[in-house]
PDB file of N, CA and C in Angstrom:
ATOM      1  N   MET A   1     103.240  64.076  96.644  1.00  0.00           N
ATOM      2  CA  MET A   1     102.877  65.220  97.461  1.00  0.00           C
ATOM      3  C   MET A   1     101.349  65.334  97.487  1.00  0.00           C
ATOM      4  N   SER A   2     100.799  65.499  98.673  1.00  0.00           N
ATOM      5  CA  SER A   2      99.347  65.591  98.815  1.00  0.00           C
ATOM      6  C   SER A   2      98.850  66.976  98.394  1.00  0.00           C
ATOM      7  N   ILE A   3      97.558  67.075  98.178  1.00  0.00           N
ATOM      8  CA  ILE A   3      96.964  68.361  97.788  1.00  0.00           C
ATOM      9  C   ILE A   3      97.126  69.382  98.916  1.00  0.00           C
ATOM     10  N   GLU A   4      97.049  68.919 100.161  1.00  0.00           N
ATOM     11  CA  GLU A   4      97.218  69.813 101.306  1.00  0.00           C
ATOM     12  C   GLU A   4      98.635  70.401 101.329  1.00  0.00           C
ATOM     13  N   GLU A   5      99.620  69.559 101.009  1.00  0.00           N
ATOM     14  CA  GLU A   5     101.002  70.039 100.969  1.00  0.00           C
ATOM     15  C   GLU A   5     101.195  71.054  99.845  1.00  0.00           C
ATOM     16  N   LYS A   6     100.574  70.815  98.709  1.00  0.00           N
ATOM     17  CA  LYS A   6     100.662  71.759  97.588  1.00  0.00           C
ATOM     18  C   LYS A   6     100.000  73.086  97.945  1.00  0.00           C
ATOM     19  N   ILE A   7      98.858  73.013  98.613  1.00  0.00           N
ATOM     20  CA  ILE A   7      98.165  74.237  99.038  1.00  0.00           C
ATOM     21  C   ILE A   7      99.022  75.008 100.031  1.00  0.00           C
ATOM     22  N   GLU A   8      99.674  74.302 100.937  1.00  0.00           N
ATOM     23  CA  GLU A   8     100.538  74.960 101.916  1.00  0.00           C
ATOM     24  C   GLU A   8     101.720  75.654 101.229  1.00  0.00           C
ATOM     25  N   ILE A   9     102.292  75.026 100.208  1.00  0.00           N
ATOM     26  CA  ILE A   9     103.378  75.646  99.446  1.00  0.00           C
ATOM     27  C   ILE A   9     102.892  76.931  98.786  1.00  0.00           C
ATOM     28  N   LEU A  10     101.699  76.905  98.203  1.00  0.00           N
ATOM     29  CA  LEU A  10     101.134  78.105  97.576  1.00  0.00           C
ATOM     30  C   LEU A  10     100.878  79.201  98.604  1.00  0.00           C
ATOM     31  N   ARG A  11     100.388  78.829  99.770  1.00  0.00           N
ATOM     32  CA  ARG A  11     100.162  79.819 100.834  1.00  0.00           C
ATOM     33  C   ARG A  11     101.469  80.495 101.242  1.00  0.00           C
ATOM     34  N   LYS A  12     102.518  79.697 101.393  1.00  0.00           N
ATOM     35  CA  LYS A  12     103.818  80.256 101.781  1.00  0.00           C
ATOM     36  C   LYS A  12     104.369  81.182 100.705  1.00  0.00           C
ATOM     37  N   LYS A  13     104.244  80.775  99.442  1.00  0.00           N
ATOM     38  CA  LYS A  13     104.714  81.622  98.340  1.00  0.00           C
ATOM     39  C   LYS A  13     103.913  82.909  98.265  1.00  0.00           C
ATOM     40  N   SER A  14     102.619  82.815  98.519  1.00  0.00           N
ATOM     41  CA  SER A  14     101.772  83.999  98.503  1.00  0.00           C
ATOM     42  C   SER A  14     102.182  84.970  99.601  1.00  0.00           C
ATOM     43  N   GLU A  15     102.433  84.458 100.790  1.00  0.00           N
ATOM     44  CA  GLU A  15     102.875  85.310 101.891  1.00  0.00           C
ATOM     45  C   GLU A  15     104.233  85.943 101.588  1.00  0.00           C
ATOM     46  N   GLN A  16     105.129  85.165 100.984  1.00  0.00           N
ATOM     47  CA  GLN A  16     106.440  85.698 100.612  1.00  0.00           C
ATOM     48  C   GLN A  16     106.284  86.820  99.585  1.00  0.00           C
ATOM     49  N   ALA A  17     105.401  86.634  98.619  1.00  0.00           N
ATOM     50  CA  ALA A  17     105.187  87.651  97.587  1.00  0.00           C
ATOM     51  C   ALA A  17     104.636  88.938  98.190  1.00  0.00           C
ATOM     52  N   LYS A  18     103.843  88.834  99.244  1.00  0.00           N
ATOM     53  CA  LYS A  18     103.298  90.020  99.907  1.00  0.00           C
ATOM     54  C   LYS A  18     104.397  90.884 100.513  1.00  0.00           C
ATOM     55  N   GLN A  19     105.542  90.287 100.776  1.00  0.00           N
ATOM     56  CA  GLN A  19     106.648  91.015 101.395  1.00  0.00           C
ATOM     57  C   GLN A  19     107.446  91.851 100.397  1.00  0.00           C
ATOM     58  N   GLY A  20     107.057  91.816  99.115  1.00  0.00           N
ATOM     59  CA  GLY A  20     107.775  92.600  98.120  1.00  0.00           C
ATOM     60  C   GLY A  20     109.245  92.259  98.105  1.00  0.00           C
ATOM     61  N   GLY A  21     110.092  93.244  98.286  1.00  0.00           N
ATOM     62  CA  GLY A  21     111.537  93.040  98.283  1.00  0.00           C
ATOM     63  C   GLY A  21     112.091  92.585  99.614  1.00  0.00           C
ATOM     64  N   GLY A  22     111.224  92.344 100.594  1.00  0.00           N
ATOM     65  CA  GLY A  22     111.661  91.864 101.907  1.00  0.00           C
ATOM     66  C   GLY A  22     111.497  92.915 102.988  1.00  0.00           C
ATOM     67  N   LEU A  23     111.480  92.437 104.217  1.00  0.00           N
ATOM     68  CA  LEU A  23     111.246  93.322 105.364  1.00  0.00           C
ATOM     69  C   LEU A  23     112.289  94.418 105.494  1.00  0.00           C
ATOM     70  N   GLU A  24     113.536  94.108 105.179  1.00  0.00           N
ATOM     71  CA  GLU A  24     114.597  95.109 105.292  1.00  0.00           C
ATOM     72  C   GLU A  24     114.331  96.293 104.352  1.00  0.00           C
ATOM     73  N   ARG A  25     113.945  96.008 103.135  1.00  0.00           N
ATOM     74  CA  ARG A  25     113.676  97.082 102.168  1.00  0.00           C
ATOM     75  C   ARG A  25     112.396  97.836 102.516  1.00  0.00           C
ATOM     76  N   ILE A  26     111.409  97.126 103.058  1.00  0.00           N
ATOM     77  CA  ILE A  26     110.178  97.790 103.493  1.00  0.00           C
ATOM     78  C   ILE A  26     110.490  98.760 104.621  1.00  0.00           C
ATOM     79  N   GLU A  27     111.305  98.329 105.586  1.00  0.00           N
ATOM     80  CA  GLU A  27     111.707  99.206 106.694  1.00  0.00           C
ATOM     81  C   GLU A  27     112.453 100.433 106.178  1.00  0.00           C
ATOM     82  N   LYS A  28     113.291 100.238 105.185  1.00  0.00           N
ATOM     83  CA  LYS A  28     114.030 101.363 104.593  1.00  0.00           C
ATOM     84  C   LYS A  28     113.051 102.368 103.971  1.00  0.00           C
ATOM     85  N   GLN A  29     112.036 101.867 103.278  1.00  0.00           N
ATOM     86  CA  GLN A  29     111.006 102.749 102.707  1.00  0.00           C
ATOM     87  C   GLN A  29     110.325 103.546 103.812  1.00  0.00           C
ATOM     88  N   HIS A  30     109.934 102.849 104.873  1.00  0.00           N
ATOM     89  CA  HIS A  30     109.241 103.512 105.971  1.00  0.00           C
ATOM     90  C   HIS A  30     110.119 104.554 106.644  1.00  0.00           C
ATOM     91  N   LYS A  31     111.411 104.252 106.824  1.00  0.00           N
ATOM     92  CA  LYS A  31     112.328 105.210 107.453  1.00  0.00           C
ATOM     93  C   LYS A  31     112.484 106.475 106.626  1.00  0.00           C
ATOM     94  N   SER A  32     112.318 106.349 105.302  1.00  0.00           N
ATOM     95  CA  SER A  32     112.423 107.537 104.452  1.00  0.00           C
ATOM     96  C   SER A  32     111.061 108.212 104.262  1.00  0.00           C
ATOM     97  N   GLY A  33     110.072 107.779 105.036  1.00  0.00           N
ATOM     98  CA  GLY A  33     108.760 108.417 105.001  1.00  0.00           C
ATOM     99  C   GLY A  33     107.879 107.975 103.839  1.00  0.00           C
ATOM    100  N   LYS A  34     108.197 106.845 103.249  1.00  0.00           N
ATOM    101  CA  LYS A  34     107.445 106.350 102.092  1.00  0.00           C
ATOM    102  C   LYS A  34     106.707 105.063 102.429  1.00  0.00           C
ATOM    103  N   LEU A  35     105.637 104.820 101.691  1.00  0.00           N
ATOM    104  CA  LEU A  35     104.871 103.589 101.814  1.00  0.00           C
ATOM    105  C   LEU A  35     105.214 102.649 100.670  1.00  0.00           C
ATOM    106  N   THR A  36     104.945 101.369 100.864  1.00  0.00           N
ATOM    107  CA  THR A  36     105.119 100.409  99.771  1.00  0.00           C
ATOM    108  C   THR A  36     103.947 100.561  98.807  1.00  0.00           C
ATOM    109  N   ALA A  37     104.072  99.965  97.645  1.00  0.00           N
ATOM    110  CA  ALA A  37     102.988 100.014  96.662  1.00  0.00           C
ATOM    111  C   ALA A  37     101.710  99.422  97.250  1.00  0.00           C
ATOM    112  N   ARG A  38     101.816  98.301  97.916  1.00  0.00           N
ATOM    113  CA  ARG A  38     100.645  97.654  98.534  1.00  0.00           C
ATOM    114  C   ARG A  38      99.990  98.597  99.544  1.00  0.00           C
ATOM    115  N   GLU A  39     100.789  99.226 100.385  1.00  0.00           N
ATOM    116  CA  GLU A  39     100.254 100.128 101.402  1.00  0.00           C
ATOM    117  C   GLU A  39      99.554 101.334 100.770  1.00  0.00           C
ATOM    118  N   ARG A  40     100.129 101.868  99.701  1.00  0.00           N
ATOM    119  CA  ARG A  40      99.498 103.006  99.013  1.00  0.00           C
ATOM    120  C   ARG A  40      98.142 102.623  98.433  1.00  0.00           C
ATOM    121  N   LEU A  41      98.067 101.435  97.838  1.00  0.00           N
ATOM    122  CA  LEU A  41      96.808 101.002  97.236  1.00  0.00           C
ATOM    123  C   LEU A  41      95.746 100.725  98.297  1.00  0.00           C
ATOM    124  N   VAL A  42      96.146 100.144  99.405  1.00  0.00           N
ATOM    125  CA  VAL A  42      95.187  99.882 100.483  1.00  0.00           C
ATOM    126  C   VAL A  42      94.584 101.194 100.981  1.00  0.00           C
ATOM    127  N   LEU A  43      95.387 102.246 101.074  1.00  0.00           N
ATOM    128  CA  LEU A  43      94.883 103.551 101.507  1.00  0.00           C
ATOM    129  C   LEU A  43      93.973 104.199 100.460  1.00  0.00           C
ATOM    130  N   LEU A  44      94.303 104.015  99.193  1.00  0.00           N
ATOM    131  CA  LEU A  44      93.543 104.638  98.104  1.00  0.00           C
ATOM    132  C   LEU A  44      92.173 104.000  97.903  1.00  0.00           C
ATOM    133  N   LEU A  45      92.120 102.692  97.975  1.00  0.00           N
ATOM    134  CA  LEU A  45      90.925 101.948  97.605  1.00  0.00           C
ATOM    135  C   LEU A  45      89.958 101.790  98.772  1.00  0.00           C
ATOM    136  N   ASP A  46      88.714 101.489  98.434  1.00  0.00           N
ATOM    137  CA  ASP A  46      87.703 101.254  99.459  1.00  0.00           C
ATOM    138  C   ASP A  46      88.162 100.128 100.390  1.00  0.00           C
ATOM    139  N   PRO A  47      87.843 100.241 101.674  1.00  0.00           N
ATOM    140  CA  PRO A  47      88.256  99.215 102.638  1.00  0.00           C
ATOM    141  C   PRO A  47      87.831  97.811 102.200  1.00  0.00           C
ATOM    142  N   GLY A  48      88.782  96.899 102.281  1.00  0.00           N
ATOM    143  CA  GLY A  48      88.495  95.511 101.943  1.00  0.00           C
ATOM    144  C   GLY A  48      88.396  95.202 100.467  1.00  0.00           C
ATOM    145  N   SER A  49      88.627  96.189  99.606  1.00  0.00           N
ATOM    146  CA  SER A  49      88.445  95.926  98.177  1.00  0.00           C
ATOM    147  C   SER A  49      89.743  95.612  97.441  1.00  0.00           C
ATOM    148  N   PHE A  50      90.888  95.718  98.129  1.00  0.00           N
ATOM    149  CA  PHE A  50      92.153  95.422  97.464  1.00  0.00           C
ATOM    150  C   PHE A  50      92.380  93.927  97.390  1.00  0.00           C
ATOM    151  N   GLU A  51      92.602  93.445  96.185  1.00  0.00           N
ATOM    152  CA  GLU A  51      92.967  92.053  95.969  1.00  0.00           C
ATOM    153  C   GLU A  51      93.926  92.022  94.802  1.00  0.00           C
ATOM    154  N   GLU A  52      95.049  91.403  95.022  1.00  0.00           N
ATOM    155  CA  GLU A  52      96.115  91.422  94.024  1.00  0.00           C
ATOM    156  C   GLU A  52      95.889  90.400  92.920  1.00  0.00           C
ATOM    157  N   LEU A  53      96.241  90.785  91.714  1.00  0.00           N
ATOM    158  CA  LEU A  53      96.151  89.907  90.552  1.00  0.00           C
ATOM    159  C   LEU A  53      97.552  89.464  90.159  1.00  0.00           C
ATOM    160  N   GLY A  54      97.747  88.188  89.949  1.00  0.00           N
ATOM    161  CA  GLY A  54      99.037  87.687  89.489  1.00  0.00           C
ATOM    162  C   GLY A  54     100.126  87.714  90.538  1.00  0.00           C
ATOM    163  N   ARG A  55      99.756  87.564  91.804  1.00  0.00           N
ATOM    164  CA  ARG A  55     100.743  87.636  92.883  1.00  0.00           C
ATOM    165  C   ARG A  55     101.860  86.609  92.709  1.00  0.00           C
ATOM    166  N   LEU A  56     101.537  85.443  92.183  1.00  0.00           N
ATOM    167  CA  LEU A  56     102.536  84.389  92.067  1.00  0.00           C
ATOM    168  C   LEU A  56     103.146  84.273  90.684  1.00  0.00           C
ATOM    169  N   SER A  57     102.865  85.223  89.818  1.00  0.00           N
ATOM    170  CA  SER A  57     103.449  85.154  88.484  1.00  0.00           C
ATOM    171  C   SER A  57     104.942  85.427  88.555  1.00  0.00           C
ATOM    172  N   LEU A  58     105.691  84.787  87.683  1.00  0.00           N
ATOM    173  CA  LEU A  58     107.150  84.879  87.730  1.00  0.00           C
ATOM    174  C   LEU A  58     107.667  86.023  86.879  1.00  0.00           C
ATOM    175  N   LEU A  59     108.788  86.525  87.273  1.00  0.00           N
ATOM    176  CA  LEU A  59     109.465  87.573  86.509  1.00  0.00           C
ATOM    177  C   LEU A  59     110.215  86.949  85.346  1.00  0.00           C
ATOM    178  N   SER A  60     110.302  87.689  84.267  1.00  0.00           N
ATOM    179  CA  SER A  60     111.104  87.214  83.136  1.00  0.00           C
ATOM    180  C   SER A  60     112.468  87.880  83.219  1.00  0.00           C
ATOM    181  N   LEU A  61     113.331  87.279  84.022  1.00  0.00           N
ATOM    182  CA  LEU A  61     114.656  87.841  84.263  1.00  0.00           C
ATOM    183  C   LEU A  61     115.719  86.800  83.968  1.00  0.00           C
ATOM    184  N   LEU A  62     116.915  87.282  83.774  1.00  0.00           N
ATOM    185  CA  LEU A  62     118.049  86.375  83.669  1.00  0.00           C
ATOM    186  C   LEU A  62     118.239  85.688  85.021  1.00  0.00           C
ATOM    187  N   PRO A  63     118.647  84.432  85.036  1.00  0.00           N
ATOM    188  CA  PRO A  63     118.831  83.731  86.317  1.00  0.00           C
ATOM    189  C   PRO A  63     119.733  84.467  87.295  1.00  0.00           C
ATOM    190  N   SER A  64     120.758  85.153  86.808  1.00  0.00           N
ATOM    191  CA  SER A  64     121.669  85.870  87.701  1.00  0.00           C
ATOM    192  C   SER A  64     120.959  87.021  88.411  1.00  0.00           C
ATOM    193  N   VAL A  65     120.021  87.657  87.746  1.00  0.00           N
ATOM    194  CA  VAL A  65     119.257  88.751  88.353  1.00  0.00           C
ATOM    195  C   VAL A  65     118.200  88.174  89.286  1.00  0.00           C
ATOM    196  N   TRP A  66     117.533  87.103  88.846  1.00  0.00           N
ATOM    197  CA  TRP A  66     116.469  86.488  89.638  1.00  0.00           C
ATOM    198  C   TRP A  66     116.962  86.108  91.028  1.00  0.00           C
ATOM    199  N   LYS A  67     118.191  85.605  91.138  1.00  0.00           N
ATOM    200  CA  LYS A  67     118.731  85.171  92.423  1.00  0.00           C
ATOM    201  C   LYS A  67     118.917  86.330  93.391  1.00  0.00           C
ATOM    202  N   LYS A  68     118.992  87.557  92.896  1.00  0.00           N
ATOM    203  CA  LYS A  68     119.267  88.708  93.747  1.00  0.00           C
ATOM    204  C   LYS A  68     118.024  89.280  94.410  1.00  0.00           C
ATOM    205  N   ILE A  69     116.841  88.857  93.980  1.00  0.00           N
ATOM    206  CA  ILE A  69     115.620  89.408  94.559  1.00  0.00           C
ATOM    207  C   ILE A  69     114.828  88.301  95.220  1.00  0.00           C
ATOM    208  N   SER A  70     113.965  88.675  96.155  1.00  0.00           N
ATOM    209  CA  SER A  70     113.247  87.661  96.914  1.00  0.00           C
ATOM    210  C   SER A  70     111.769  87.604  96.555  1.00  0.00           C
ATOM    211  N   SER A  71     111.313  88.421  95.655  1.00  0.00           N
ATOM    212  CA  SER A  71     109.890  88.485  95.367  1.00  0.00           C
ATOM    213  C   SER A  71     109.559  87.818  94.038  1.00  0.00           C
ATOM    214  N   THR A  72     108.317  87.362  93.932  1.00  0.00           N
ATOM    215  CA  THR A  72     107.861  86.786  92.674  1.00  0.00           C
ATOM    216  C   THR A  72     107.192  87.842  91.803  1.00  0.00           C
ATOM    217  N   GLY A  73     107.062  89.029  92.273  1.00  0.00           N
ATOM    218  CA  GLY A  73     106.433  90.081  91.497  1.00  0.00           C
ATOM    219  C   GLY A  73     106.891  91.423  91.993  1.00  0.00           C
ATOM    220  N   ARG A  74     106.692  92.459  91.209  1.00  0.00           N
ATOM    221  CA  ARG A  74     107.108  93.757  91.709  1.00  0.00           C
ATOM    222  C   ARG A  74     106.045  94.809  91.515  1.00  0.00           C
ATOM    223  N   GLY A  75     104.823  94.414  91.284  1.00  0.00           N
ATOM    224  CA  GLY A  75     103.766  95.395  91.151  1.00  0.00           C
ATOM    225  C   GLY A  75     102.435  94.782  91.501  1.00  0.00           C
ATOM    226  N   TYR A  76     101.448  95.630  91.603  1.00  0.00           N
ATOM    227  CA  TYR A  76     100.116  95.194  91.970  1.00  0.00           C
ATOM    228  C   TYR A  76      99.144  95.637  90.894  1.00  0.00           C
ATOM    229  N   HIS A  77      98.211  94.763  90.583  1.00  0.00           N
ATOM    230  CA  HIS A  77      97.275  95.029  89.506  1.00  0.00           C
ATOM    231  C   HIS A  77      95.919  94.460  89.894  1.00  0.00           C
ATOM    232  N   ARG A  78      94.868  95.234  89.761  1.00  0.00           N
ATOM    233  CA  ARG A  78      93.576  94.693  90.123  1.00  0.00           C
ATOM    234  C   ARG A  78      92.451  95.657  89.792  1.00  0.00           C
ATOM    235  N   VAL A  79      91.264  95.081  89.655  1.00  0.00           N
ATOM    236  CA  VAL A  79      90.036  95.855  89.542  1.00  0.00           C
ATOM    237  C   VAL A  79      89.547  96.083  90.963  1.00  0.00           C
ATOM    238  N   ARG A  80      89.353  97.304  91.349  1.00  0.00           N
ATOM    239  CA  ARG A  80      88.924  97.617  92.707  1.00  0.00           C
ATOM    240  C   ARG A  80      87.942  98.766  92.706  1.00  0.00           C
ATOM    241  N   LEU A  81      87.594  99.228  93.907  1.00  0.00           N
ATOM    242  CA  LEU A  81      86.611 100.284  94.060  1.00  0.00           C
ATOM    243  C   LEU A  81      87.213 101.491  94.774  1.00  0.00           C
ATOM    244  N   ILE A  82      86.827 102.673  94.279  1.00  0.00           N
ATOM    245  CA  ILE A  82      87.087 103.925  94.973  1.00  0.00           C
ATOM    246  C   ILE A  82      85.742 104.614  95.062  1.00  0.00           C
ATOM    247  N   ASP A  83      85.301 104.874  96.273  1.00  0.00           N
ATOM    248  CA  ASP A  83      83.955 105.425  96.517  1.00  0.00           C
ATOM    249  C   ASP A  83      82.902 104.607  95.775  1.00  0.00           C
ATOM    250  N   GLY A  84      83.065 103.298  95.772  1.00  0.00           N
ATOM    251  CA  GLY A  84      82.093 102.400  95.160  1.00  0.00           C
ATOM    252  C   GLY A  84      82.181 102.302  93.649  1.00  0.00           C
ATOM    253  N   ARG A  85      83.102 103.020  93.038  1.00  0.00           N
ATOM    254  CA  ARG A  85      83.246 103.002  91.575  1.00  0.00           C
ATOM    255  C   ARG A  85      84.376 102.068  91.170  1.00  0.00           C
ATOM    256  N   ARG A  86      84.121 101.269  90.141  1.00  0.00           N
ATOM    257  CA  ARG A  86      85.126 100.314  89.669  1.00  0.00           C
ATOM    258  C   ARG A  86      86.284 101.044  89.007  1.00  0.00           C
ATOM    259  N   VAL A  87      87.490 100.691  89.411  1.00  0.00           N
ATOM    260  CA  VAL A  87      88.710 101.237  88.824  1.00  0.00           C
ATOM    261  C   VAL A  87      89.703 100.100  88.637  1.00  0.00           C
ATOM    262  N   TYR A  88      90.597 100.270  87.712  1.00  0.00           N
ATOM    263  CA  TYR A  88      91.684  99.329  87.483  1.00  0.00           C
ATOM    264  C   TYR A  88      92.966 100.017  87.925  1.00  0.00           C
ATOM    265  N   VAL A  89      93.720  99.372  88.792  1.00  0.00           N
ATOM    266  CA  VAL A  89      94.900 100.014  89.351  1.00  0.00           C
ATOM    267  C   VAL A  89      96.145  99.169  89.134  1.00  0.00           C
ATOM    268  N   PHE A  90      97.279  99.845  89.119  1.00  0.00           N
ATOM    269  CA  PHE A  90      98.567  99.169  89.100  1.00  0.00           C
ATOM    270  C   PHE A  90      99.570 100.060  89.813  1.00  0.00           C
ATOM    271  N   ALA A  91     100.584  99.449  90.378  1.00  0.00           N
ATOM    272  CA  ALA A  91     101.618 100.205  91.080  1.00  0.00           C
ATOM    273  C   ALA A  91     102.921  99.432  91.020  1.00  0.00           C
ATOM    274  N   GLN A  92     103.995 100.165  91.005  1.00  0.00           N
ATOM    275  CA  GLN A  92     105.323  99.559  91.031  1.00  0.00           C
ATOM    276  C   GLN A  92     105.860  99.649  92.453  1.00  0.00           C
ATOM    277  N   ASP A  93     106.479  98.575  92.898  1.00  0.00           N
ATOM    278  CA  ASP A  93     106.968  98.499  94.265  1.00  0.00           C
ATOM    279  C   ASP A  93     108.462  98.800  94.304  1.00  0.00           C
ATOM    280  N   PHE A  94     108.819  99.900  94.934  1.00  0.00           N
ATOM    281  CA  PHE A  94     110.213 100.329  94.985  1.00  0.00           C
ATOM    282  C   PHE A  94     111.082  99.364  95.777  1.00  0.00           C
ATOM    283  N   THR A  95     110.481  98.531  96.628  1.00  0.00           N
ATOM    284  CA  THR A  95     111.283  97.596  97.423  1.00  0.00           C
ATOM    285  C   THR A  95     111.805  96.435  96.581  1.00  0.00           C
ATOM    286  N   VAL A  96     111.299  96.286  95.370  1.00  0.00           N
ATOM    287  CA  VAL A  96     111.751  95.207  94.485  1.00  0.00           C
ATOM    288  C   VAL A  96     112.442  95.838  93.285  1.00  0.00           C
ATOM    289  N   MET A  97     113.743  95.651  93.210  1.00  0.00           N
ATOM    290  CA  MET A  97     114.557  96.169  92.102  1.00  0.00           C
ATOM    291  C   MET A  97     114.351  97.664  91.871  1.00  0.00           C
ATOM    292  N   GLY A  98     114.171  98.392  92.959  1.00  0.00           N
ATOM    293  CA  GLY A  98     114.024  99.835  92.870  1.00  0.00           C
ATOM    294  C   GLY A  98     112.788 100.298  92.119  1.00  0.00           C
ATOM    295  N   GLY A  99     111.800  99.414  91.981  1.00  0.00           N
ATOM    296  CA  GLY A  99     110.577  99.770  91.264  1.00  0.00           C
ATOM    297  C   GLY A  99     110.756  99.812  89.762  1.00  0.00           C
ATOM    298  N   SER A 100     111.869  99.281  89.274  1.00  0.00           N
ATOM    299  CA  SER A 100     112.118  99.325  87.833  1.00  0.00           C
ATOM    300  C   SER A 100     111.083  98.489  87.080  1.00  0.00           C
ATOM    301  N   LEU A 101     110.820  98.890  85.874  1.00  0.00           N
ATOM    302  CA  LEU A 101     109.800  98.247  85.054  1.00  0.00           C
ATOM    303  C   LEU A 101     110.449  97.214  84.149  1.00  0.00           C
ATOM    304  N   GLY A 102     110.053  95.968  84.311  1.00  0.00           N
ATOM    305  CA  GLY A 102     110.531  94.892  83.457  1.00  0.00           C
ATOM    306  C   GLY A 102     109.465  94.484  82.455  1.00  0.00           C
ATOM    307  N   GLU A 103     109.828  93.609  81.570  1.00  0.00           N
ATOM    308  CA  GLU A 103     108.908  93.177  80.513  1.00  0.00           C
ATOM    309  C   GLU A 103     107.631  92.556  81.082  1.00  0.00           C
ATOM    310  N   HIS A 104     107.779  91.682  82.042  1.00  0.00           N
ATOM    311  CA  HIS A 104     106.619  90.988  82.613  1.00  0.00           C
ATOM    312  C   HIS A 104     105.658  91.977  83.269  1.00  0.00           C
ATOM    313  N   HIS A 105     106.197  92.867  84.085  1.00  0.00           N
ATOM    314  CA  HIS A 105     105.359  93.854  84.758  1.00  0.00           C
ATOM    315  C   HIS A 105     104.716  94.800  83.745  1.00  0.00           C
ATOM    316  N   ALA A 106     105.452  95.193  82.721  1.00  0.00           N
ATOM    317  CA  ALA A 106     104.895  96.070  81.684  1.00  0.00           C
ATOM    318  C   ALA A 106     103.721  95.391  80.979  1.00  0.00           C
ATOM    319  N   ASN A 107     103.850  94.106  80.709  1.00  0.00           N
ATOM    320  CA  ASN A 107     102.750  93.370  80.072  1.00  0.00           C
ATOM    321  C   ASN A 107     101.518  93.326  80.962  1.00  0.00           C
ATOM    322  N   LYS A 108     101.734  93.152  82.265  1.00  0.00           N
ATOM    323  CA  LYS A 108     100.609  93.135  83.197  1.00  0.00           C
ATOM    324  C   LYS A 108      99.933  94.507  83.252  1.00  0.00           C
ATOM    325  N   ILE A 109     100.722  95.569  83.244  1.00  0.00           N
ATOM    326  CA  ILE A 109     100.158  96.921  83.253  1.00  0.00           C
ATOM    327  C   ILE A 109      99.340  97.157  81.986  1.00  0.00           C
ATOM    328  N   CYS A 110      99.882  96.763  80.841  1.00  0.00           N
ATOM    329  CA  CYS A 110      99.152  96.928  79.578  1.00  0.00           C
ATOM    330  C   CYS A 110      97.829  96.169  79.602  1.00  0.00           C
ATOM    331  N   ALA A 111      97.833  94.972  80.152  1.00  0.00           N
ATOM    332  CA  ALA A 111      96.604  94.177  80.229  1.00  0.00           C
ATOM    333  C   ALA A 111      95.571  94.868  81.111  1.00  0.00           C
ATOM    334  N   VAL A 112      96.007  95.449  82.228  1.00  0.00           N
ATOM    335  CA  VAL A 112      95.097  96.167  83.112  1.00  0.00           C
ATOM    336  C   VAL A 112      94.508  97.376  82.392  1.00  0.00           C
ATOM    337  N   MET A 113      95.353  98.138  81.708  1.00  0.00           N
ATOM    338  CA  MET A 113      94.892  99.334  81.009  1.00  0.00           C
ATOM    339  C   MET A 113      93.946  98.979  79.860  1.00  0.00           C
ATOM    340  N   GLU A 114      94.262  97.922  79.130  1.00  0.00           N
ATOM    341  CA  GLU A 114      93.389  97.490  78.036  1.00  0.00           C
ATOM    342  C   GLU A 114      92.025  97.064  78.547  1.00  0.00           C
ATOM    343  N   ARG A 115      92.005  96.329  79.645  1.00  0.00           N
ATOM    344  CA  ARG A 115      90.732  95.894  80.226  1.00  0.00           C
ATOM    345  C   ARG A 115      89.919  97.090  80.687  1.00  0.00           C
ATOM    346  N   ALA A 116      90.562  98.081  81.276  1.00  0.00           N
ATOM    347  CA  ALA A 116      89.856  99.288  81.726  1.00  0.00           C
ATOM    348  C   ALA A 116      89.186  99.983  80.542  1.00  0.00           C
ATOM    349  N   VAL A 117      89.900 100.076  79.435  1.00  0.00           N
ATOM    350  CA  VAL A 117      89.333 100.697  78.222  1.00  0.00           C
ATOM    351  C   VAL A 117      88.144  99.877  77.720  1.00  0.00           C
ATOM    352  N   GLU A 118      88.278  98.557  77.705  1.00  0.00           N
ATOM    353  CA  GLU A 118      87.208  97.682  77.210  1.00  0.00           C
ATOM    354  C   GLU A 118      85.896  97.880  77.972  1.00  0.00           C
ATOM    355  N   VAL A 119      85.993  98.061  79.284  1.00  0.00           N
ATOM    356  CA  VAL A 119      84.774  98.165  80.110  1.00  0.00           C
ATOM    357  C   VAL A 119      84.419  99.610  80.458  1.00  0.00           C
ATOM    358  N   GLY A 120      85.247 100.558  80.020  1.00  0.00           N
ATOM    359  CA  GLY A 120      84.933 101.959  80.253  1.00  0.00           C
ATOM    360  C   GLY A 120      85.193 102.439  81.674  1.00  0.00           C
ATOM    361  N   SER A 121      86.154 101.834  82.332  1.00  0.00           N
ATOM    362  CA  SER A 121      86.515 102.245  83.701  1.00  0.00           C
ATOM    363  C   SER A 121      87.865 102.959  83.669  1.00  0.00           C
ATOM    364  N   PRO A 122      88.086 103.843  84.632  1.00  0.00           N
ATOM    365  CA  PRO A 122      89.399 104.501  84.687  1.00  0.00           C
ATOM    366  C   PRO A 122      90.482 103.541  85.155  1.00  0.00           C
ATOM    367  N   SER A 123      91.708 103.847  84.743  1.00  0.00           N
ATOM    368  CA  SER A 123      92.858 103.098  85.258  1.00  0.00           C
ATOM    369  C   SER A 123      93.779 104.095  85.948  1.00  0.00           C
ATOM    370  N   LEU A 124      94.345 103.655  87.046  1.00  0.00           N
ATOM    371  CA  LEU A 124      95.222 104.505  87.851  1.00  0.00           C
ATOM    372  C   LEU A 124      96.535 103.769  88.074  1.00  0.00           C
ATOM    373  N   GLY A 125      97.641 104.492  87.960  1.00  0.00           N
ATOM    374  CA  GLY A 125      98.925 103.855  88.219  1.00  0.00           C
ATOM    375  C   GLY A 125      99.964 104.850  88.610  1.00  0.00           C
TER     376      GLY A 125
END
């Protein structure tokens, strides 16, 4: 497999991960008057400052559970800006497994919060 083919696979996986639990679940959120975690963070943060951390990281789930979901992640974590101030943010996405907190996502949240404490920045979640 060429490097270009590998890059294309990563691009496709990244785009799939952006869809959270899938278009059907996103539409359901919108019909109930709610935004996805990604949409909420984009509104909260300074324009252009949202960038996801660990988008392609895998969930630590039993294979039977893993087959039931379409996303590689269920939350967003990143250092970003609000009014030009550095903040560390995380959010759970209800479109993926009802926004439930799993071990992998909890570890990512803890890492974000620990880093915020280390550098003296607020964390929001």
